[in-house]
N, C-alpha and C. Protein backbone atom coordinates (compact mmCIF):
# COMPACT_ATOMS: atom_id res chain seq x y z
N MET A 1 116.08 90.86 108.04
CA MET A 1 116.12 90.12 107.76
C MET A 1 114.81 89.21 108.13
N SER A 2 113.84 89.01 107.25
CA SER A 2 112.92 87.96 107.80
C SER A 2 114.01 86.92 106.83
N ARG A 3 112.57 85.89 108.48
CA ARG A 3 113.51 84.54 108.27
C ARG A 3 112.83 83.61 107.34
N TYR A 4 111.67 84.56 106.63
CA TYR A 4 111.17 83.61 105.14
C TYR A 4 111.39 84.08 103.69
N LEU A 5 112.56 84.85 103.75
CA LEU A 5 113.23 85.42 101.99
C LEU A 5 114.08 83.91 102.12
N PRO A 6 114.75 83.74 102.85
CA PRO A 6 115.44 82.34 102.07
C PRO A 6 114.91 81.36 101.61
N LEU A 7 113.64 81.49 102.12
CA LEU A 7 112.90 80.54 101.57
C LEU A 7 111.77 80.47 100.14
N ILE A 8 111.46 82.36 99.98
CA ILE A 8 111.57 82.92 98.33
C ILE A 8 112.91 82.74 98.04
N ARG A 9 114.00 82.69 98.34
CA ARG A 9 115.01 82.90 97.32
C ARG A 9 115.59 81.07 97.03
N ARG A 10 115.51 80.51 97.08
CA ARG A 10 115.21 78.82 97.27
C ARG A 10 113.90 78.18 96.11
N HIS A 11 112.68 78.65 96.86
CA HIS A 11 111.83 78.22 96.18
C HIS A 11 111.33 79.50 94.54
N GLY A 12 111.89 80.61 94.63
CA GLY A 12 111.73 81.78 93.07
C GLY A 12 113.08 81.75 92.68
N ARG A 13 114.29 81.32 92.94
CA ARG A 13 115.29 81.76 92.49
C ARG A 13 115.78 82.21 90.69
N ASP A 14 114.41 81.22 90.17
CA ASP A 14 114.70 81.94 88.71
C ASP A 14 113.91 82.30 88.17
N ILE A 15 112.90 82.65 88.74
CA ILE A 15 111.86 83.79 88.78
C ILE A 15 112.74 85.67 89.39
N LEU A 16 113.03 85.62 90.11
CA LEU A 16 113.85 86.84 91.12
C LEU A 16 115.31 86.84 89.50
N ALA A 17 115.62 86.03 89.06
CA ALA A 17 116.95 86.61 88.15
C ALA A 17 116.44 86.85 86.82
N SER A 18 115.16 86.48 86.33
CA SER A 18 114.64 86.32 85.22
C SER A 18 114.59 87.87 84.89
N PRO A 19 114.87 88.52 83.48
CA PRO A 19 114.99 89.62 83.21
C PRO A 19 113.36 90.37 83.55
N GLY A 20 111.99 89.47 83.51
CA GLY A 20 111.08 90.25 83.37
C GLY A 20 111.29 90.82 84.89
N LEU A 21 110.95 90.07 85.36
CA LEU A 21 111.13 90.04 87.16
C LEU A 21 111.34 91.76 87.37
N ARG A 22 112.71 91.33 86.98
CA ARG A 22 113.81 92.53 87.04
C ARG A 22 113.59 93.78 87.03
N SER A 23 112.98 94.50 85.54
CA SER A 23 112.18 95.26 84.72
C SER A 23 111.43 95.73 85.85
N GLN A 24 110.84 94.90 86.75
CA GLN A 24 109.48 95.97 87.52
C GLN A 24 110.25 96.38 88.52
N ARG A 25 111.28 96.21 88.87
CA ARG A 25 112.48 97.24 89.71
C ARG A 25 111.81 98.84 89.09
N GLY A 26 111.38 98.67 87.45
CA GLY A 26 111.91 100.76 87.80
C GLY A 26 110.37 100.81 87.14
N HIS A 27 108.87 100.08 87.61
CA HIS A 27 107.76 100.14 87.85
C HIS A 27 107.13 100.43 89.23
N LEU A 28 106.65 101.26 89.49
CA LEU A 28 105.84 101.51 90.92
C LEU A 28 104.71 101.00 90.79
N GLN A 29 104.41 100.33 91.88
CA GLN A 29 103.20 99.38 92.19
C GLN A 29 101.52 100.57 93.25
N HIS A 30 101.83 100.80 94.39
CA HIS A 30 101.69 101.53 94.74
C HIS A 30 102.31 102.46 96.13
N GLY A 31 101.69 103.97 95.72
CA GLY A 31 102.85 104.42 96.59
C GLY A 31 104.05 104.74 95.91
N ARG A 32 105.00 104.68 96.61
CA ARG A 32 106.91 104.48 96.21
C ARG A 32 107.14 102.79 95.54
N VAL A 33 106.65 102.31 95.91
CA VAL A 33 107.09 100.96 96.03
C VAL A 33 106.83 99.83 94.27
N SER A 34 107.89 99.58 94.49
CA SER A 34 107.74 98.91 92.99
C SER A 34 107.33 97.78 92.58
N VAL A 35 106.86 97.46 92.01
CA VAL A 35 105.73 96.30 91.29
C VAL A 35 106.99 94.42 92.24
N LEU A 36 107.75 95.06 92.46
CA LEU A 36 109.10 94.29 92.34
C LEU A 36 109.01 93.68 93.62
N GLN A 37 109.34 95.00 94.82
CA GLN A 37 108.69 95.37 95.91
C GLN A 37 107.82 94.94 96.91
N HIS A 38 107.04 95.06 96.12
CA HIS A 38 105.19 94.68 95.96
C HIS A 38 105.20 93.15 96.03
N GLU A 39 105.94 92.70 94.75
CA GLU A 39 105.42 91.24 95.10
C GLU A 39 106.12 90.05 95.18
N VAL A 40 107.20 90.76 96.39
CA VAL A 40 108.49 89.91 96.88
C VAL A 40 107.72 90.07 98.82
N ALA A 41 107.38 91.00 99.00
CA ALA A 41 106.63 91.26 100.05
C ALA A 41 104.87 90.98 100.07
N VAL A 42 104.16 90.60 99.02
CA VAL A 42 103.13 89.40 98.97
C VAL A 42 104.02 87.74 99.25
N ALA A 43 105.01 87.69 99.40
CA ALA A 43 105.37 85.98 99.23
C ALA A 43 105.74 86.06 100.26
N LEU A 44 106.12 86.99 101.15
CA LEU A 44 106.59 86.90 102.35
C LEU A 44 105.13 87.55 103.33
N MET A 45 104.46 87.47 102.75
CA MET A 45 103.40 87.43 103.53
C MET A 45 102.30 86.75 104.08
N CYS A 46 102.53 85.80 102.52
CA CYS A 46 101.82 84.28 101.91
C CYS A 46 102.06 83.64 103.27
N LEU A 47 103.50 83.48 103.36
CA LEU A 47 103.97 82.73 103.95
C LEU A 47 103.78 82.69 105.63
N LYS A 48 104.10 84.59 105.46
CA LYS A 48 103.37 85.02 107.15
C LYS A 48 102.84 84.26 107.90
N LEU A 49 101.66 84.51 106.73
CA LEU A 49 100.16 84.17 107.11
C LEU A 49 99.43 82.42 106.78
N ALA A 50 99.75 81.97 105.75
CA ALA A 50 99.37 80.24 105.80
C ALA A 50 100.53 79.33 107.16
N ARG A 51 101.33 80.38 107.90
CA ARG A 51 102.78 79.43 108.39
C ARG A 51 101.81 80.28 110.00
N GLY A 52 101.48 81.52 110.59
CA GLY A 52 101.33 81.93 111.76
C GLY A 52 99.20 81.11 111.36
N LEU A 53 98.55 81.17 110.62
CA LEU A 53 97.88 80.47 110.40
C LEU A 53 97.29 78.36 110.77
N ARG A 54 98.59 77.82 110.66
CA ARG A 54 98.86 77.21 110.77
C ARG A 54 97.91 75.84 109.47
N LEU A 55 98.10 76.56 108.06
CA LEU A 55 97.38 76.11 107.05
C LEU A 55 98.64 75.15 106.19
N ARG A 56 97.85 74.02 105.80
CA ARG A 56 98.79 72.67 105.09
C ARG A 56 98.59 73.54 103.72
N VAL A 57 99.71 74.10 102.55
CA VAL A 57 99.90 74.56 101.22
C VAL A 57 101.62 74.08 100.91
N ASP A 58 101.18 73.93 99.68
CA ASP A 58 102.32 73.70 99.11
C ASP A 58 102.96 74.91 99.12
N GLU A 59 104.09 75.32 99.50
CA GLU A 59 105.28 76.36 100.09
C GLU A 59 105.53 76.82 98.89
N ARG A 60 106.80 76.08 97.75
CA ARG A 60 106.77 76.10 96.77
C ARG A 60 106.34 77.16 95.73
N ALA A 61 104.20 76.46 95.66
CA ALA A 61 103.37 76.87 94.71
C ALA A 61 102.97 78.86 95.22
N LEU A 62 102.86 78.41 96.67
CA LEU A 62 102.57 79.48 96.89
C LEU A 62 103.72 81.12 96.88
N VAL A 63 105.15 80.90 97.00
CA VAL A 63 105.98 81.94 96.76
C VAL A 63 106.19 81.63 95.39
N ARG A 64 105.76 81.28 94.61
CA ARG A 64 105.77 80.92 92.91
C ARG A 64 104.87 81.81 92.79
N GLY A 65 103.26 81.49 92.86
CA GLY A 65 102.67 82.24 92.65
C GLY A 65 102.31 83.93 92.71
N ALA A 66 103.18 84.15 94.47
CA ALA A 66 102.73 85.26 94.97
C ALA A 66 104.00 86.16 94.16
N LEU A 67 104.91 85.88 93.95
CA LEU A 67 106.41 86.47 92.98
C LEU A 67 105.87 86.80 91.89
N LEU A 68 104.72 86.46 90.94
CA LEU A 68 104.04 86.09 89.59
C LEU A 68 103.24 87.10 89.55
N HIS A 69 102.11 87.29 90.60
CA HIS A 69 101.08 88.04 90.54
C HIS A 69 100.96 88.98 89.91
N ASP A 70 101.63 89.78 89.66
CA ASP A 70 101.58 91.10 89.23
C ASP A 70 102.51 90.88 88.06
N TYR A 71 102.77 89.37 87.03
CA TYR A 71 103.94 89.98 85.99
C TYR A 71 103.37 90.46 84.62
N PHE A 72 103.31 91.40 84.98
CA PHE A 72 102.20 92.39 84.05
C PHE A 72 103.02 93.31 83.31
N LEU A 73 104.17 93.55 83.44
CA LEU A 73 105.13 93.76 83.05
C LEU A 73 105.39 94.95 82.17
N TYR A 74 104.55 96.27 82.58
CA TYR A 74 104.17 97.24 82.01
C TYR A 74 104.14 98.90 84.00
N ASP A 75 104.07 99.68 83.16
CA ASP A 75 103.85 100.65 83.70
C ASP A 75 102.73 100.74 83.65
N TRP A 76 102.07 100.71 84.96
CA TRP A 76 100.24 100.54 84.36
C TRP A 76 100.14 102.42 84.83
N HIS A 77 100.90 103.20 85.78
CA HIS A 77 100.11 104.68 85.66
C HIS A 77 101.20 105.12 84.42
N GLU A 78 101.52 105.11 83.49
CA GLU A 78 101.84 105.63 81.58
C GLU A 78 100.25 105.84 81.30
N LYS A 79 100.32 106.55 80.18
CA LYS A 79 99.23 107.02 79.60
C LYS A 79 98.85 106.71 78.66
N ASP A 80 98.22 105.21 78.26
CA ASP A 80 98.02 104.57 77.64
C ASP A 80 96.16 103.84 77.67
N PRO A 81 95.92 103.58 76.69
CA PRO A 81 94.75 103.36 76.52
C PRO A 81 94.38 101.67 76.47
N SER A 82 95.58 100.87 76.49
CA SER A 82 95.49 99.87 77.04
C SER A 82 95.65 99.30 78.78
N HIS A 83 96.20 100.73 79.17
CA HIS A 83 96.15 100.33 81.01
C HIS A 83 94.89 100.83 81.70
N ARG A 84 94.16 101.70 80.41
CA ARG A 84 92.89 101.87 81.29
C ARG A 84 91.76 100.95 82.64
N TRP A 85 91.89 99.59 82.14
CA TRP A 85 91.39 98.95 83.12
C TRP A 85 92.40 97.95 83.67
N HIS A 86 93.65 98.23 83.55
CA HIS A 86 94.10 97.81 84.37
C HIS A 86 93.65 96.52 85.47
N GLY A 87 92.89 97.12 86.22
CA GLY A 87 92.29 96.35 87.69
C GLY A 87 91.65 95.76 87.40
N PHE A 88 91.02 95.78 86.19
CA PHE A 88 89.93 94.05 85.90
C PHE A 88 90.84 93.37 84.51
N THR A 89 92.10 94.11 84.16
CA THR A 89 93.14 92.85 82.93
C THR A 89 93.26 92.64 83.39
N HIS A 90 95.12 92.82 84.16
CA HIS A 90 96.19 92.88 84.40
C HIS A 90 95.92 90.84 85.21
N PRO A 91 95.05 90.70 85.47
CA PRO A 91 95.20 89.26 86.02
C PRO A 91 95.80 88.19 84.54
N ALA A 92 95.22 88.17 83.65
CA ALA A 92 95.32 87.40 82.52
C ALA A 92 96.04 87.57 81.87
N ARG A 93 96.58 89.10 81.65
CA ARG A 93 97.95 89.60 81.12
C ARG A 93 99.00 89.14 82.04
N ALA A 94 98.63 88.76 83.25
CA ALA A 94 100.25 88.35 84.09
C ALA A 94 100.06 86.83 84.08
N LEU A 95 98.80 86.69 83.67
CA LEU A 95 98.76 84.17 83.81
C LEU A 95 99.60 84.77 82.00
N ARG A 96 99.50 85.18 81.50
CA ARG A 96 100.23 84.68 79.95
C ARG A 96 101.03 85.01 79.67
N ASN A 97 101.90 86.02 80.71
CA ASN A 97 103.14 86.20 80.53
C ASN A 97 103.77 85.92 81.48
N ALA A 98 103.73 85.01 83.09
CA ALA A 98 104.33 83.84 83.03
C ALA A 98 103.50 82.96 82.91
N ASP A 99 102.61 82.44 82.14
CA ASP A 99 103.31 80.95 81.48
C ASP A 99 103.58 80.92 80.17
N ARG A 100 103.75 82.25 79.35
CA ARG A 100 104.93 82.15 78.76
C ARG A 100 106.60 82.20 79.14
N ASP A 101 106.24 82.55 79.77
CA ASP A 101 108.55 82.88 80.57
C ASP A 101 108.77 81.67 81.57
N PHE A 102 107.96 80.42 82.55
CA PHE A 102 108.28 79.81 83.33
C PHE A 102 107.03 78.58 83.42
N VAL A 103 107.43 77.42 83.80
CA VAL A 103 106.44 76.19 83.87
C VAL A 103 106.07 76.74 85.12
N LEU A 104 104.27 76.73 84.75
CA LEU A 104 103.40 77.04 86.04
C LEU A 104 102.82 75.91 86.33
N GLY A 105 102.39 75.24 87.13
CA GLY A 105 100.97 74.19 87.90
C GLY A 105 100.01 74.76 87.99
N ASP A 106 98.94 73.86 88.35
CA ASP A 106 97.82 74.95 88.60
C ASP A 106 97.38 75.97 89.51
N ILE A 107 97.99 75.08 91.25
CA ILE A 107 98.09 76.01 91.76
C ILE A 107 98.88 77.67 91.35
N GLU A 108 99.40 77.12 91.01
CA GLU A 108 100.47 78.74 90.32
C GLU A 108 99.06 79.39 89.25
N ARG A 109 98.98 79.29 88.76
CA ARG A 109 97.81 79.03 87.42
C ARG A 109 96.37 80.32 88.18
N ASP A 110 96.70 79.71 89.04
CA ASP A 110 95.09 79.71 90.04
C ASP A 110 95.00 80.91 90.67
N MET A 111 96.25 80.84 91.63
CA MET A 111 97.04 82.00 92.23
C MET A 111 96.66 83.33 91.44
N ILE A 112 97.51 83.04 90.52
CA ILE A 112 97.08 84.58 89.83
C ILE A 112 96.22 84.82 88.93
N ALA A 113 95.52 84.39 88.64
CA ALA A 113 93.95 84.41 88.21
C ALA A 113 92.89 84.79 88.76
N CYS A 114 93.35 83.95 89.99
CA CYS A 114 92.17 84.54 91.16
C CYS A 114 92.03 85.69 92.11
N HIS A 115 93.68 87.15 91.78
CA HIS A 115 94.25 87.03 92.86
C HIS A 115 93.81 88.77 93.09
N MET A 116 92.63 89.39 92.27
CA MET A 116 92.23 90.14 92.37
C MET A 116 90.58 90.00 92.79
N PHE A 117 90.39 89.10 93.18
CA PHE A 117 88.93 88.75 93.67
C PHE A 117 88.96 89.59 94.96
N PRO A 118 88.05 89.99 95.50
CA PRO A 118 86.21 90.56 94.47
C PRO A 118 86.24 91.19 92.99
N LEU A 119 87.35 91.92 92.83
CA LEU A 119 87.39 92.94 91.59
C LEU A 119 87.10 92.20 90.24
N VAL A 120 88.07 91.17 89.72
CA VAL A 120 87.27 90.36 89.30
C VAL A 120 87.05 89.07 89.64
N PRO A 121 85.61 88.99 89.31
CA PRO A 121 84.68 87.97 89.60
C PRO A 121 84.93 86.93 89.13
N ARG A 122 86.66 85.88 89.83
CA ARG A 122 87.21 84.80 89.66
C ARG A 122 87.33 84.08 91.13
N LEU A 123 86.55 83.44 91.38
CA LEU A 123 86.65 82.75 92.35
C LEU A 123 87.54 81.96 92.64
N PRO A 124 88.84 82.48 93.86
CA PRO A 124 90.55 81.57 93.94
C PRO A 124 89.55 79.59 94.58
N HIS A 125 90.23 79.27 93.60
CA HIS A 125 89.67 77.76 94.47
C HIS A 125 90.70 76.60 94.93
N ARG A 126 91.47 77.54 95.08
CA ARG A 126 93.12 77.13 95.75
C ARG A 126 93.12 78.31 97.41
N ARG A 127 93.39 76.70 97.84
CA ARG A 127 93.81 77.58 99.48
C ARG A 127 94.87 78.77 99.49
N GLU A 128 95.86 77.87 98.34
CA GLU A 128 96.98 79.01 98.33
C GLU A 128 96.32 80.43 97.94
N SER A 129 95.47 80.22 97.04
CA SER A 129 94.89 81.49 95.80
C SER A 129 94.02 82.43 97.00
N ALA A 130 93.82 81.81 97.74
CA ALA A 130 92.40 82.37 98.69
C ALA A 130 93.89 83.50 99.53
N LEU A 131 94.54 82.93 100.11
CA LEU A 131 96.09 84.12 101.11
C LEU A 131 96.68 84.80 99.67
N LEU A 132 96.61 84.30 98.84
CA LEU A 132 96.75 85.19 97.63
C LEU A 132 95.96 86.47 97.52
N CYS A 133 95.27 85.85 97.54
CA CYS A 133 94.45 87.75 97.67
C CYS A 133 94.03 88.66 98.85
N LEU A 134 93.91 87.75 99.81
CA LEU A 134 94.84 88.02 101.35
C LEU A 134 95.59 88.85 101.29
N ALA A 135 96.65 88.22 101.23
CA ALA A 135 98.05 88.74 101.83
C ALA A 135 98.15 90.78 100.30
N ASP A 136 97.79 90.07 99.10
CA ASP A 136 98.03 91.40 98.17
C ASP A 136 96.45 92.30 98.87
N LYS A 137 96.39 91.88 99.34
CA LYS A 137 94.96 93.46 99.50
C LYS A 137 96.17 94.00 100.94
N LEU A 138 96.27 93.49 102.04
CA LEU A 138 97.17 93.34 103.36
C LEU A 138 98.15 94.76 102.58
N CYS A 139 99.11 94.24 101.33
CA CYS A 139 100.27 94.30 101.47
C CYS A 139 99.22 95.79 100.15
N ALA A 140 98.65 96.19 99.69
CA ALA A 140 98.96 97.27 98.91
C ALA A 140 97.75 98.14 100.14
N LEU A 141 97.08 98.17 100.93
CA LEU A 141 96.52 98.65 101.92
C LEU A 141 97.95 99.89 102.17
N ARG A 142 98.67 98.99 103.23
CA ARG A 142 100.21 98.92 103.87
C ARG A 142 100.86 100.12 103.17
N GLU A 143 101.23 99.81 101.61
CA GLU A 143 102.19 100.43 100.50
C GLU A 143 101.52 101.15 100.36
N THR A 144 99.70 101.70 100.21
CA THR A 144 99.05 103.07 100.16
C THR A 144 99.00 103.60 100.94
N LEU A 145 98.71 103.80 101.97
CA LEU A 145 99.26 104.36 103.37
C LEU A 145 100.46 105.37 104.21
N ARG A 146 101.28 104.04 103.72
CA ARG A 146 102.88 104.41 104.30
C ARG A 146 103.05 105.29 104.08
N ARG A 147 103.39 106.16 104.62
CA ARG A 147 103.92 107.41 105.10
C ARG A 147 105.53 107.15 104.28
N PRO A 148 106.22 107.84 103.72
CA PRO A 148 107.56 108.12 103.38
C PRO A 148 108.67 107.44 104.44
N LYS A 149 109.67 106.53 104.56
CA LYS A 149 110.36 106.76 105.51
C LYS A 149 111.20 108.13 105.92
N GLY A 150 111.15 107.65 106.68
CA GLY A 150 112.48 109.03 107.57
C GLY A 150 111.44 109.75 107.87
N ARG A 151 109.91 109.95 108.00
CA ARG A 151 108.95 111.28 107.76
C ARG A 151 108.30 110.97 109.35
N VAL A 152 108.15 112.54 109.73
CA VAL A 152 107.20 112.51 110.86
C VAL A 152 106.84 113.61 110.93
N ARG A 153 105.51 113.58 111.31
CA ARG A 153 104.09 114.11 110.68
C ARG A 153 103.69 114.98 112.01
N ASP A 154 104.23 116.15 112.12
CA ASP A 154 104.02 117.13 113.52
C ASP A 154 102.95 117.28 113.32
N PRO A 155 101.70 117.07 114.34
CA PRO A 155 100.18 117.64 113.56
C PRO A 155 100.49 119.00 114.18
N ARG A 156 101.10 119.62 115.57
CA ARG A 156 100.92 120.77 115.33
C ARG A 156 100.43 122.05 113.63
N ARG A 157 101.52 120.99 112.27
CA ARG A 157 101.41 121.75 112.16
C ARG A 157 100.87 121.01 110.90
N ALA A 158 99.83 120.73 110.87
CA ALA A 158 99.13 120.03 109.34
C ALA A 158 99.33 120.83 108.74
N GLY A 159 99.85 119.79 106.98
CA GLY A 159 99.61 120.72 105.90
C GLY A 159 101.23 121.26 105.26
N THR A 160 102.06 121.14 106.27
CA THR A 160 103.12 121.60 106.19
C THR A 160 104.37 120.28 105.84
N ALA A 161 105.29 120.65 105.31
CA ALA A 161 106.32 120.26 105.73
C ALA A 161 106.52 118.52 106.73
N SER A 162 106.80 117.84 106.45
CA SER A 162 107.36 117.48 107.53
C SER A 162 109.06 117.05 108.12
N THR A 163 109.14 116.57 109.47
CA THR A 163 110.10 117.02 110.31
C THR A 163 111.19 116.03 110.09
N ARG A 164 112.29 115.37 110.05
CA ARG A 164 112.95 114.03 110.02
C ARG A 164 113.50 113.82 111.70
N ARG A 165 113.16 112.17 111.23
CA ARG A 165 113.54 111.60 112.85
C ARG A 165 115.02 112.29 113.58
């Protein structure tokens, strides 16, 4: 268990218990990772980066903004015209939803609105927002490239089924 999970629970208790965030358990984000799993992984990564780099940040806002950065509340993989430009539009939708369901400060708002920089050309104005941009990209890359757990690729059998560990 990560030593940062108690911080995430303390600062994000109301968010983690909300029906909106819990509903994201059933929506895939990257690979086989749900939106909820991704949001928690990003919050963990934000804390690790902040502590590792010894940055002075508002940890409460950092956790809350990270947990809500993808609070768009739909499965973007479903064929739907409103999902067509998901990469460009979801920060604004996540911010609207988060603002509706929670009390947000300026840091959290900036984090959610700017987390897709540079794809969405809204420059982060807060240290926490820049950390979220980096953590989100690192987690997304790891989730996209990660092979399913419990499987090892046999290089002698390229293109065939993997063997169990």
